[in-house]
Every structure is written in structure tokens, then in C-alpha cells.
Amino acid sequence: TMIQRFDVDWPAHGYDEARLRELVEFQLRIMQSFFIS
């Protein structure tokens, strides 16, 4: 929901549904590391 609020044409940059979900997971894991430390 968060990333779909961005003004980005995700398909035009090579992101299908599966890759967008992977990007979301990557983003969440990056944030997790900063929340923890």
C-alpha cells in the first residue's frame, strides 16, 4: 500500500507484481535494520 502511493510508473521501470513485492520486502528489511539499530 505504501509503495503504490508513490508517483512511480513501476511497470515502465521493469517492475511486475512479483518484483514489486520483492522490492517491498527489501525496503521493509532495510527499515527493520534501522529500527533495531
PDB file of all heavy atoms in Angstrom:
ATOM      1  N   THR A   1       0.836  -1.202   0.000  1.00  0.00           N
ATOM      2  CA  THR A   1       0.000   0.000   0.000  1.00  0.00           C
ATOM      3  C   THR A   1       0.869   1.249   0.000  1.00  0.00           C
ATOM      4  O   THR A   1       0.600   2.220  -0.718  1.00  0.00           O
ATOM      5  CB  THR A   1      -0.918   0.006   1.233  1.00  0.00           C
ATOM      6  OG1 THR A   1      -1.721  -1.169   1.213  1.00  0.00           O
ATOM      7  CG2 THR A   1      -1.809   1.230   1.235  1.00  0.00           C
ATOM      8  N   MET A   2       1.939   1.200   0.779  1.00  0.00           N
ATOM      9  CA  MET A   2       2.850   2.335   0.884  1.00  0.00           C
ATOM     10  C   MET A   2       3.498   2.638  -0.459  1.00  0.00           C
ATOM     11  O   MET A   2       3.480   3.772  -0.940  1.00  0.00           O
ATOM     12  CB  MET A   2       3.911   1.998   1.936  1.00  0.00           C
ATOM     13  CG  MET A   2       5.007   3.003   2.134  1.00  0.00           C
ATOM     14  SD  MET A   2       6.084   2.443   3.493  1.00  0.00           S
ATOM     15  CE  MET A   2       7.549   3.420   3.164  1.00  0.00           C
ATOM     16  N   ILE A   3       4.058   1.623  -1.105  1.00  0.00           N
ATOM     17  CA  ILE A   3       4.833   1.853  -2.323  1.00  0.00           C
ATOM     18  C   ILE A   3       3.932   2.190  -3.509  1.00  0.00           C
ATOM     19  O   ILE A   3       4.351   2.885  -4.441  1.00  0.00           O
ATOM     20  CB  ILE A   3       5.737   0.641  -2.618  1.00  0.00           C
ATOM     21  CG1 ILE A   3       7.010   1.090  -3.340  1.00  0.00           C
ATOM     22  CG2 ILE A   3       5.006  -0.451  -3.368  1.00  0.00           C
ATOM     23  CD1 ILE A   3       8.114   0.052  -3.338  1.00  0.00           C
ATOM     24  N   GLN A   4       2.694   1.731  -3.469  1.00  0.00           N
ATOM     25  CA  GLN A   4       1.765   2.056  -4.552  1.00  0.00           C
ATOM     26  C   GLN A   4       1.250   3.487  -4.456  1.00  0.00           C
ATOM     27  O   GLN A   4       0.605   3.974  -5.383  1.00  0.00           O
ATOM     28  CB  GLN A   4       0.619   1.044  -4.568  1.00  0.00           C
ATOM     29  CG  GLN A   4       1.061  -0.314  -5.102  1.00  0.00           C
ATOM     30  CD  GLN A   4       0.065  -1.420  -4.854  1.00  0.00           C
ATOM     31  OE1 GLN A   4      -0.881  -1.283  -4.081  1.00  0.00           O
ATOM     32  NE2 GLN A   4       0.280  -2.552  -5.501  1.00  0.00           N
ATOM     33  N   ARG A   5       1.556   4.181  -3.353  1.00  0.00           N
ATOM     34  CA  ARG A   5       1.208   5.599  -3.241  1.00  0.00           C
ATOM     35  C   ARG A   5       2.267   6.487  -3.899  1.00  0.00           C
ATOM     36  O   ARG A   5       2.059   7.688  -4.023  1.00  0.00           O
ATOM     37  CB  ARG A   5       1.069   5.995  -1.762  1.00  0.00           C
ATOM     38  CG  ARG A   5       0.013   5.216  -0.980  1.00  0.00           C
ATOM     39  CD  ARG A   5      -1.401   5.578  -1.362  1.00  0.00           C
ATOM     40  NE  ARG A   5      -1.773   6.927  -0.976  1.00  0.00           N
ATOM     41  CZ  ARG A   5      -2.324   7.259   0.185  1.00  0.00           C
ATOM     42  NH1 ARG A   5      -2.560   6.339   1.095  1.00  0.00           N
ATOM     43  NH2 ARG A   5      -2.654   8.506   0.437  1.00  0.00           N
ATOM     44  N   PHE A   6       3.390   5.889  -4.284  1.00  0.00           N
ATOM     45  CA  PHE A   6       4.449   6.658  -4.929  1.00  0.00           C
ATOM     46  C   PHE A   6       4.030   7.047  -6.344  1.00  0.00           C
ATOM     47  O   PHE A   6       3.295   6.319  -7.002  1.00  0.00           O
ATOM     48  CB  PHE A   6       5.748   5.855  -5.007  1.00  0.00           C
ATOM     49  CG  PHE A   6       6.392   5.527  -3.683  1.00  0.00           C
ATOM     50  CD1 PHE A   6       7.501   4.700  -3.633  1.00  0.00           C
ATOM     51  CD2 PHE A   6       5.897   6.030  -2.490  1.00  0.00           C
ATOM     52  CE1 PHE A   6       8.105   4.386  -2.431  1.00  0.00           C
ATOM     53  CE2 PHE A   6       6.492   5.722  -1.278  1.00  0.00           C
ATOM     54  CZ  PHE A   6       7.612   4.902  -1.250  1.00  0.00           C
ATOM     55  N   ASP A   7       4.538   8.188  -6.831  1.00  0.00           N
ATOM     56  CA  ASP A   7       4.269   8.638  -8.202  1.00  0.00           C
ATOM     57  C   ASP A   7       5.275   8.015  -9.169  1.00  0.00           C
ATOM     58  O   ASP A   7       5.960   8.715  -9.914  1.00  0.00           O
ATOM     59  CB  ASP A   7       4.349  10.166  -8.286  1.00  0.00           C
ATOM     60  CG  ASP A   7       3.157  10.844  -7.642  1.00  0.00           C
ATOM     61  OD1 ASP A   7       2.124  10.175  -7.440  1.00  0.00           O
ATOM     62  OD2 ASP A   7       3.258  12.045  -7.340  1.00  0.00           O
ATOM     63  N   VAL A   8       5.349   6.693  -9.154  1.00  0.00           N
ATOM     64  CA  VAL A   8       6.312   5.962  -9.979  1.00  0.00           C
ATOM     65  C   VAL A   8       5.550   5.035 -10.908  1.00  0.00           C
ATOM     66  O   VAL A   8       4.634   4.325 -10.473  1.00  0.00           O
ATOM     67  CB  VAL A   8       7.295   5.143  -9.106  1.00  0.00           C
ATOM     68  CG1 VAL A   8       8.222   4.296  -9.981  1.00  0.00           C
ATOM     69  CG2 VAL A   8       8.105   6.056  -8.201  1.00  0.00           C
ATOM     70  N   ASP A   9       5.931   5.032 -12.175  1.00  0.00           N
ATOM     71  CA  ASP A   9       5.374   4.085 -13.139  1.00  0.00           C
ATOM     72  C   ASP A   9       6.201   2.800 -13.017  1.00  0.00           C
ATOM     73  O   ASP A   9       7.177   2.607 -13.739  1.00  0.00           O
ATOM     74  CB  ASP A   9       5.461   4.659 -14.551  1.00  0.00           C
ATOM     75  CG  ASP A   9       4.800   3.759 -15.583  1.00  0.00           C
ATOM     76  OD1 ASP A   9       4.478   2.591 -15.264  1.00  0.00           O
ATOM     77  OD2 ASP A   9       4.628   4.222 -16.731  1.00  0.00           O
ATOM     78  N   TRP A  10       5.823   1.951 -12.083  1.00  0.00           N
ATOM     79  CA  TRP A  10       6.634   0.767 -11.795  1.00  0.00           C
ATOM     80  C   TRP A  10       6.822  -0.146 -12.998  1.00  0.00           C
ATOM     81  O   TRP A  10       7.955  -0.589 -13.255  1.00  0.00           O
ATOM     82  CB  TRP A  10       6.045   0.006 -10.607  1.00  0.00           C
ATOM     83  CG  TRP A  10       6.130   0.782  -9.321  1.00  0.00           C
ATOM     84  CD1 TRP A  10       5.097   1.357  -8.628  1.00  0.00           C
ATOM     85  CD2 TRP A  10       7.314   1.091  -8.588  1.00  0.00           C
ATOM     86  NE1 TRP A  10       5.566   2.010  -7.511  1.00  0.00           N
ATOM     87  CE2 TRP A  10       6.925   1.854  -7.455  1.00  0.00           C
ATOM     88  CE3 TRP A  10       8.670   0.799  -8.780  1.00  0.00           C
ATOM     89  CZ2 TRP A  10       7.840   2.325  -6.517  1.00  0.00           C
ATOM     90  CZ3 TRP A  10       9.584   1.270  -7.841  1.00  0.00           C
ATOM     91  CH2 TRP A  10       9.177   2.011  -6.736  1.00  0.00           C
ATOM     92  N   PRO A  11       5.783  -0.472 -13.796  1.00  0.00           N
ATOM     93  CA  PRO A  11       5.995  -1.335 -14.966  1.00  0.00           C
ATOM     94  C   PRO A  11       7.001  -0.765 -15.962  1.00  0.00           C
ATOM     95  O   PRO A  11       7.782  -1.501 -16.561  1.00  0.00           O
ATOM     96  CB  PRO A  11       4.596  -1.448 -15.583  1.00  0.00           C
ATOM     97  CG  PRO A  11       3.659  -1.227 -14.438  1.00  0.00           C
ATOM     98  CD  PRO A  11       4.349  -0.188 -13.571  1.00  0.00           C
ATOM     99  N   ALA A  12       6.994   0.558 -16.108  1.00  0.00           N
ATOM    100  CA  ALA A  12       7.926   1.182 -17.049  1.00  0.00           C
ATOM    101  C   ALA A  12       9.376   1.010 -16.607  1.00  0.00           C
ATOM    102  O   ALA A  12      10.290   1.101 -17.431  1.00  0.00           O
ATOM    103  CB  ALA A  12       7.608   2.670 -17.201  1.00  0.00           C
ATOM    104  N   HIS A  13       9.573   0.726 -15.327  1.00  0.00           N
ATOM    105  CA  HIS A  13      10.925   0.523 -14.806  1.00  0.00           C
ATOM    106  C   HIS A  13      11.235  -0.946 -14.561  1.00  0.00           C
ATOM    107  O   HIS A  13      12.191  -1.274 -13.853  1.00  0.00           O
ATOM    108  CB  HIS A  13      11.114   1.330 -13.518  1.00  0.00           C
ATOM    109  CG  HIS A  13      11.121   2.810 -13.731  1.00  0.00           C
ATOM    110  ND1 HIS A  13      12.224   3.499 -14.192  1.00  0.00           N
ATOM    111  CD2 HIS A  13      10.141   3.736 -13.580  1.00  0.00           C
ATOM    112  CE1 HIS A  13      11.936   4.780 -14.290  1.00  0.00           C
ATOM    113  NE2 HIS A  13      10.684   4.956 -13.930  1.00  0.00           N
ATOM    114  N   GLY A  14      10.422  -1.828 -15.160  1.00  0.00           N
ATOM    115  CA  GLY A  14      10.703  -3.258 -15.096  1.00  0.00           C
ATOM    116  C   GLY A  14      10.106  -4.002 -13.922  1.00  0.00           C
ATOM    117  O   GLY A  14      10.444  -5.162 -13.687  1.00  0.00           O
ATOM    118  N   TYR A  15       9.210  -3.355 -13.190  1.00  0.00           N
ATOM    119  CA  TYR A  15       8.627  -3.991 -12.002  1.00  0.00           C
ATOM    120  C   TYR A  15       7.249  -4.576 -12.315  1.00  0.00           C
ATOM    121  O   TYR A  15       6.292  -3.837 -12.519  1.00  0.00           O
ATOM    122  CB  TYR A  15       8.510  -2.978 -10.860  1.00  0.00           C
ATOM    123  CG  TYR A  15       9.818  -2.758 -10.128  1.00  0.00           C
ATOM    124  CD1 TYR A  15      10.697  -1.757 -10.531  1.00  0.00           C
ATOM    125  CD2 TYR A  15      10.171  -3.563  -9.055  1.00  0.00           C
ATOM    126  CE1 TYR A  15      11.901  -1.563  -9.858  1.00  0.00           C
ATOM    127  CE2 TYR A  15      11.371  -3.373  -8.388  1.00  0.00           C
ATOM    128  CZ  TYR A  15      12.226  -2.377  -8.800  1.00  0.00           C
ATOM    129  OH  TYR A  15      13.426  -2.196  -8.140  1.00  0.00           O
ATOM    130  N   ASP A  16       7.181  -5.919 -12.343  1.00  0.00           N
ATOM    131  CA  ASP A  16       5.877  -6.565 -12.366  1.00  0.00           C
ATOM    132  C   ASP A  16       5.461  -6.807 -10.913  1.00  0.00           C
ATOM    133  O   ASP A  16       6.148  -6.382  -9.974  1.00  0.00           O
ATOM    134  CB  ASP A  16       5.916  -7.875 -13.167  1.00  0.00           C
ATOM    135  CG  ASP A  16       6.945  -8.870 -12.628  1.00  0.00           C
ATOM    136  OD1 ASP A  16       7.449  -8.688 -11.492  1.00  0.00           O
ATOM    137  OD2 ASP A  16       7.258  -9.843 -13.345  1.00  0.00           O
ATOM    138  N   GLU A  17       4.340  -7.472 -10.695  1.00  0.00           N
ATOM    139  CA  GLU A  17       3.826  -7.670  -9.336  1.00  0.00           C
ATOM    140  C   GLU A  17       4.831  -8.411  -8.453  1.00  0.00           C
ATOM    141  O   GLU A  17       5.072  -8.027  -7.307  1.00  0.00           O
ATOM    142  CB  GLU A  17       2.507  -8.448  -9.392  1.00  0.00           C
ATOM    143  CG  GLU A  17       1.857  -8.711  -8.041  1.00  0.00           C
ATOM    144  CD  GLU A  17       1.176  -7.478  -7.452  1.00  0.00           C
ATOM    145  OE1 GLU A  17       1.008  -6.484  -8.176  1.00  0.00           O
ATOM    146  OE2 GLU A  17       0.806  -7.537  -6.264  1.00  0.00           O
ATOM    147  N   ALA A  18       5.434  -9.460  -8.986  1.00  0.00           N
ATOM    148  CA  ALA A  18       6.371 -10.253  -8.185  1.00  0.00           C
ATOM    149  C   ALA A  18       7.599  -9.436  -7.789  1.00  0.00           C
ATOM    150  O   ALA A  18       8.051  -9.482  -6.639  1.00  0.00           O
ATOM    151  CB  ALA A  18       6.790 -11.503  -8.949  1.00  0.00           C
ATOM    152  N   ARG A  19       8.139  -8.680  -8.731  1.00  0.00           N
ATOM    153  CA  ARG A  19       9.330  -7.888  -8.413  1.00  0.00           C
ATOM    154  C   ARG A  19       8.996  -6.721  -7.487  1.00  0.00           C
ATOM    155  O   ARG A  19       9.825  -6.326  -6.662  1.00  0.00           O
ATOM    156  CB  ARG A  19       9.975  -7.386  -9.701  1.00  0.00           C
ATOM    157  CG  ARG A  19      10.761  -8.493 -10.409  1.00  0.00           C
ATOM    158  CD  ARG A  19      11.428  -8.016 -11.658  1.00  0.00           C
ATOM    159  NE  ARG A  19      12.379  -9.003 -12.153  1.00  0.00           N
ATOM    160  CZ  ARG A  19      13.017  -8.900 -13.301  1.00  0.00           C
ATOM    161  NH1 ARG A  19      12.814  -7.844 -14.060  1.00  0.00           N
ATOM    162  NH2 ARG A  19      13.858  -9.835 -13.686  1.00  0.00           N
ATOM    163  N   LEU A  20       7.800  -6.178  -7.630  1.00  0.00           N
ATOM    164  CA  LEU A  20       7.405  -5.100  -6.728  1.00  0.00           C
ATOM    165  C   LEU A  20       7.290  -5.628  -5.299  1.00  0.00           C
ATOM    166  O   LEU A  20       7.708  -4.965  -4.342  1.00  0.00           O
ATOM    167  CB  LEU A  20       6.082  -4.476  -7.180  1.00  0.00           C
ATOM    168  CG  LEU A  20       5.736  -3.114  -6.564  1.00  0.00           C
ATOM    169  CD1 LEU A  20       6.815  -2.086  -6.856  1.00  0.00           C
ATOM    170  CD2 LEU A  20       4.389  -2.639  -7.080  1.00  0.00           C
ATOM    171  N   ARG A  21       6.767  -6.830  -5.155  1.00  0.00           N
ATOM    172  CA  ARG A  21       6.686  -7.435  -3.816  1.00  0.00           C
ATOM    173  C   ARG A  21       8.083  -7.681  -3.251  1.00  0.00           C
ATOM    174  O   ARG A  21       8.324  -7.487  -2.053  1.00  0.00           O
ATOM    175  CB  ARG A  21       5.879  -8.730  -3.852  1.00  0.00           C
ATOM    176  CG  ARG A  21       4.383  -8.519  -4.068  1.00  0.00           C
ATOM    177  CD  ARG A  21       3.613  -9.820  -3.945  1.00  0.00           C
ATOM    178  NE  ARG A  21       3.686 -10.346  -2.586  1.00  0.00           N
ATOM    179  CZ  ARG A  21       2.927  -9.922  -1.575  1.00  0.00           C
ATOM    180  NH1 ARG A  21       2.033  -8.956  -1.764  1.00  0.00           N
ATOM    181  NH2 ARG A  21       3.051 -10.450  -0.376  1.00  0.00           N
ATOM    182  N   GLU A  22       9.013  -8.103  -4.097  1.00  0.00           N
ATOM    183  CA  GLU A  22      10.384  -8.287  -3.635  1.00  0.00           C
ATOM    184  C   GLU A  22      10.991  -6.947  -3.198  1.00  0.00           C
ATOM    185  O   GLU A  22      11.724  -6.882  -2.202  1.00  0.00           O
ATOM    186  CB  GLU A  22      11.241  -8.922  -4.726  1.00  0.00           C
ATOM    187  CG  GLU A  22      10.972 -10.394  -4.932  1.00  0.00           C
ATOM    188  CD  GLU A  22      11.937 -11.017  -5.928  1.00  0.00           C
ATOM    189  OE1 GLU A  22      12.728 -10.280  -6.562  1.00  0.00           O
ATOM    190  OE2 GLU A  22      11.909 -12.247  -6.073  1.00  0.00           O
ATOM    191  N   LEU A  23      10.690  -5.888  -3.941  1.00  0.00           N
ATOM    192  CA  LEU A  23      11.190  -4.571  -3.576  1.00  0.00           C
ATOM    193  C   LEU A  23      10.617  -4.131  -2.231  1.00  0.00           C
ATOM    194  O   LEU A  23      11.336  -3.576  -1.390  1.00  0.00           O
ATOM    195  CB  LEU A  23      10.844  -3.543  -4.656  1.00  0.00           C
ATOM    196  CG  LEU A  23      11.225  -2.087  -4.349  1.00  0.00           C
ATOM    197  CD1 LEU A  23      12.733  -1.953  -4.124  1.00  0.00           C
ATOM    198  CD2 LEU A  23      10.762  -1.163  -5.467  1.00  0.00           C
ATOM    199  N   VAL A  24       9.339  -4.391  -2.019  1.00  0.00           N
ATOM    200  CA  VAL A  24       8.714  -4.053  -0.740  1.00  0.00           C
ATOM    201  C   VAL A  24       9.399  -4.813   0.394  1.00  0.00           C
ATOM    202  O   VAL A  24       9.721  -4.238   1.442  1.00  0.00           O
ATOM    203  CB  VAL A  24       7.202  -4.348  -0.771  1.00  0.00           C
ATOM    204  CG1 VAL A  24       6.614  -4.338   0.636  1.00  0.00           C
ATOM    205  CG2 VAL A  24       6.485  -3.338  -1.649  1.00  0.00           C
ATOM    206  N   GLU A  25       9.647  -6.106   0.192  1.00  0.00           N
ATOM    207  CA  GLU A  25      10.332  -6.879   1.230  1.00  0.00           C
ATOM    208  C   GLU A  25      11.718  -6.299   1.513  1.00  0.00           C
ATOM    209  O   GLU A  25      12.132  -6.159   2.667  1.00  0.00           O
ATOM    210  CB  GLU A  25      10.458  -8.341   0.812  1.00  0.00           C
ATOM    211  CG  GLU A  25      11.159  -9.184   1.863  1.00  0.00           C
ATOM    212  CD  GLU A  25      11.373 -10.626   1.452  1.00  0.00           C
ATOM    213  OE1 GLU A  25      10.814 -11.046   0.409  1.00  0.00           O
ATOM    214  OE2 GLU A  25      12.120 -11.328   2.167  1.00  0.00           O
ATOM    215  N   PHE A  26      12.442  -5.944   0.450  1.00  0.00           N
ATOM    216  CA  PHE A  26      13.767  -5.351   0.594  1.00  0.00           C
ATOM    217  C   PHE A  26      13.688  -4.054   1.394  1.00  0.00           C
ATOM    218  O   PHE A  26      14.468  -3.805   2.327  1.00  0.00           O
ATOM    219  CB  PHE A  26      14.355  -5.105  -0.797  1.00  0.00           C
ATOM    220  CG  PHE A  26      15.705  -4.432  -0.807  1.00  0.00           C
ATOM    221  CD1 PHE A  26      16.817  -5.059  -0.273  1.00  0.00           C
ATOM    222  CD2 PHE A  26      15.855  -3.174  -1.371  1.00  0.00           C
ATOM    223  CE1 PHE A  26      18.062  -4.437  -0.296  1.00  0.00           C
ATOM    224  CE2 PHE A  26      17.092  -2.543  -1.396  1.00  0.00           C
ATOM    225  CZ  PHE A  26      18.196  -3.185  -0.856  1.00  0.00           C
ATOM    226  N   GLN A  27      12.719  -3.219   1.052  1.00  0.00           N
ATOM    227  CA  GLN A  27      12.534  -1.942   1.738  1.00  0.00           C
ATOM    228  C   GLN A  27      12.199  -2.168   3.216  1.00  0.00           C
ATOM    229  O   GLN A  27      12.745  -1.479   4.098  1.00  0.00           O
ATOM    230  CB  GLN A  27      11.429  -1.154   1.043  1.00  0.00           C
ATOM    231  CG  GLN A  27      11.174   0.228   1.599  1.00  0.00           C
ATOM    232  CD  GLN A  27      10.188   1.007   0.746  1.00  0.00           C
ATOM    233  OE1 GLN A  27      10.097   0.833  -0.453  1.00  0.00           O
ATOM    234  NE2 GLN A  27       9.432   1.874   1.388  1.00  0.00           N
ATOM    235  N   LEU A  28      11.313  -3.109   3.497  1.00  0.00           N
ATOM    236  CA  LEU A  28      10.954  -3.405   4.884  1.00  0.00           C
ATOM    237  C   LEU A  28      12.156  -3.912   5.674  1.00  0.00           C
ATOM    238  O   LEU A  28      12.356  -3.548   6.840  1.00  0.00           O
ATOM    239  CB  LEU A  28       9.827  -4.439   4.928  1.00  0.00           C
ATOM    240  CG  LEU A  28       8.446  -3.965   4.480  1.00  0.00           C
ATOM    241  CD1 LEU A  28       7.497  -5.148   4.349  1.00  0.00           C
ATOM    242  CD2 LEU A  28       7.879  -2.927   5.446  1.00  0.00           C
ATOM    243  N   ARG A  29      12.975  -4.740   5.043  1.00  0.00           N
ATOM    244  CA  ARG A  29      14.143  -5.272   5.739  1.00  0.00           C
ATOM    245  C   ARG A  29      15.178  -4.177   6.004  1.00  0.00           C
ATOM    246  O   ARG A  29      15.841  -4.183   7.048  1.00  0.00           O
ATOM    247  CB  ARG A  29      14.747  -6.431   4.956  1.00  0.00           C
ATOM    248  CG  ARG A  29      13.853  -7.667   4.930  1.00  0.00           C
ATOM    249  CD  ARG A  29      14.537  -8.868   4.297  1.00  0.00           C
ATOM    250  NE  ARG A  29      13.633  -9.991   4.187  1.00  0.00           N
ATOM    251  CZ  ARG A  29      13.335 -10.825   5.194  1.00  0.00           C
ATOM    252  NH1 ARG A  29      13.885 -10.616   6.389  1.00  0.00           N
ATOM    253  NH2 ARG A  29      12.511 -11.834   5.012  1.00  0.00           N
ATOM    254  N   ILE A  30      15.320  -3.258   5.086  1.00  0.00           N
ATOM    255  CA  ILE A  30      16.220  -2.124   5.317  1.00  0.00           C
ATOM    256  C   ILE A  30      15.722  -1.311   6.513  1.00  0.00           C
ATOM    257  O   ILE A  30      16.497  -0.952   7.419  1.00  0.00           O
ATOM    258  CB  ILE A  30      16.316  -1.224   4.068  1.00  0.00           C
ATOM    259  CG1 ILE A  30      17.012  -1.963   2.913  1.00  0.00           C
ATOM    260  CG2 ILE A  30      17.029   0.085   4.394  1.00  0.00           C
ATOM    261  CD1 ILE A  30      18.473  -2.259   3.156  1.00  0.00           C
ATOM    262  N   MET A  31      14.418  -1.031   6.538  1.00  0.00           N
ATOM    263  CA  MET A  31      13.873  -0.259   7.654  1.00  0.00           C
ATOM    264  C   MET A  31      14.008  -1.022   8.962  1.00  0.00           C
ATOM    265  O   MET A  31      14.324  -0.445  10.008  1.00  0.00           O
ATOM    266  CB  MET A  31      12.417   0.114   7.376  1.00  0.00           C
ATOM    267  CG  MET A  31      12.284   1.174   6.302  1.00  0.00           C
ATOM    268  SD  MET A  31      10.622   1.868   6.147  1.00  0.00           S
ATOM    269  CE  MET A  31       9.713   0.481   5.506  1.00  0.00           C
ATOM    270  N   GLN A  32      13.790  -2.343   8.910  1.00  0.00           N
ATOM    271  CA  GLN A  32      13.925  -3.155  10.116  1.00  0.00           C
ATOM    272  C   GLN A  32      15.309  -2.978  10.737  1.00  0.00           C
ATOM    273  O   GLN A  32      15.444  -2.823  11.954  1.00  0.00           O
ATOM    274  CB  GLN A  32      13.700  -4.626   9.786  1.00  0.00           C
ATOM    275  CG  GLN A  32      13.900  -5.556  10.981  1.00  0.00           C
ATOM    276  CD  GLN A  32      13.858  -7.005  10.581  1.00  0.00           C
ATOM    277  OE1 GLN A  32      14.419  -7.385   9.567  1.00  0.00           O
ATOM    278  NE2 GLN A  32      13.193  -7.830  11.379  1.00  0.00           N
ATOM    279  N   SER A  33      16.340  -2.984   9.900  1.00  0.00           N
ATOM    280  CA  SER A  33      17.697  -2.876  10.437  1.00  0.00           C
ATOM    281  C   SER A  33      17.904  -1.552  11.154  1.00  0.00           C
ATOM    282  O   SER A  33      18.584  -1.490  12.182  1.00  0.00           O
ATOM    283  CB  SER A  33      18.721  -3.053   9.311  1.00  0.00           C
ATOM    284  OG  SER A  33      18.726  -1.947   8.430  1.00  0.00           O
ATOM    285  N   PHE A  34      17.293  -0.473  10.653  1.00  0.00           N
ATOM    286  CA  PHE A  34      17.436   0.827  11.299  1.00  0.00           C
ATOM    287  C   PHE A  34      16.555   0.950  12.541  1.00  0.00           C
ATOM    288  O   PHE A  34      16.910   1.660  13.486  1.00  0.00           O
ATOM    289  CB  PHE A  34      17.154   1.957  10.315  1.00  0.00           C
ATOM    290  CG  PHE A  34      18.296   2.214   9.375  1.00  0.00           C
ATOM    291  CD1 PHE A  34      18.287   1.711   8.086  1.00  0.00           C
ATOM    292  CD2 PHE A  34      19.401   2.946   9.793  1.00  0.00           C
ATOM    293  CE1 PHE A  34      19.352   1.936   7.224  1.00  0.00           C
ATOM    294  CE2 PHE A  34      20.474   3.183   8.941  1.00  0.00           C
ATOM    295  CZ  PHE A  34      20.453   2.669   7.645  1.00  0.00           C
ATOM    296  N   PHE A  35      15.387   0.280  12.547  1.00  0.00           N
ATOM    297  CA  PHE A  35      14.577   0.272  13.763  1.00  0.00           C
ATOM    298  C   PHE A  35      15.329  -0.429  14.895  1.00  0.00           C
ATOM    299  O   PHE A  35      15.319   0.020  16.037  1.00  0.00           O
ATOM    300  CB  PHE A  35      13.246  -0.451  13.527  1.00  0.00           C
ATOM    301  CG  PHE A  35      12.260   0.325  12.703  1.00  0.00           C
ATOM    302  CD1 PHE A  35      11.583  -0.299  11.666  1.00  0.00           C
ATOM    303  CD2 PHE A  35      11.986   1.656  12.968  1.00  0.00           C
ATOM    304  CE1 PHE A  35      10.663   0.402  10.907  1.00  0.00           C
ATOM    305  CE2 PHE A  35      11.071   2.372  12.209  1.00  0.00           C
ATOM    306  CZ  PHE A  35      10.402   1.733  11.176  1.00  0.00           C
ATOM    307  N   ILE A  36      15.967  -1.550  14.562  1.00  0.00           N
ATOM    308  CA  ILE A  36      16.662  -2.330  15.582  1.00  0.00           C
ATOM    309  C   ILE A  36      17.937  -1.634  16.039  1.00  0.00           C
ATOM    310  O   ILE A  36      18.251  -1.586  17.229  1.00  0.00           O
ATOM    311  CB  ILE A  36      16.976  -3.740  15.045  1.00  0.00           C
ATOM    312  CG1 ILE A  36      15.668  -4.520  14.825  1.00  0.00           C
ATOM    313  CG2 ILE A  36      17.892  -4.503  16.008  1.00  0.00           C
ATOM    314  CD1 ILE A  36      15.866  -5.831  14.105  1.00  0.00           C
ATOM    315  N   SER A  37      18.686  -1.095  15.092  1.00  0.00           N
ATOM    316  CA  SER A  37      19.975  -0.476  15.421  1.00  0.00           C
ATOM    317  C   SER A  37      20.178   0.779  14.578  1.00  0.00           C
ATOM    318  O   SER A  37      20.765   0.716  13.497  1.00  0.00           O
ATOM    319  CB  SER A  37      21.109  -1.482  15.171  1.00  0.00           C
ATOM    320  OG  SER A  37      22.358  -0.913  15.481  1.00  0.00           O
TER     321      SER A  37
END
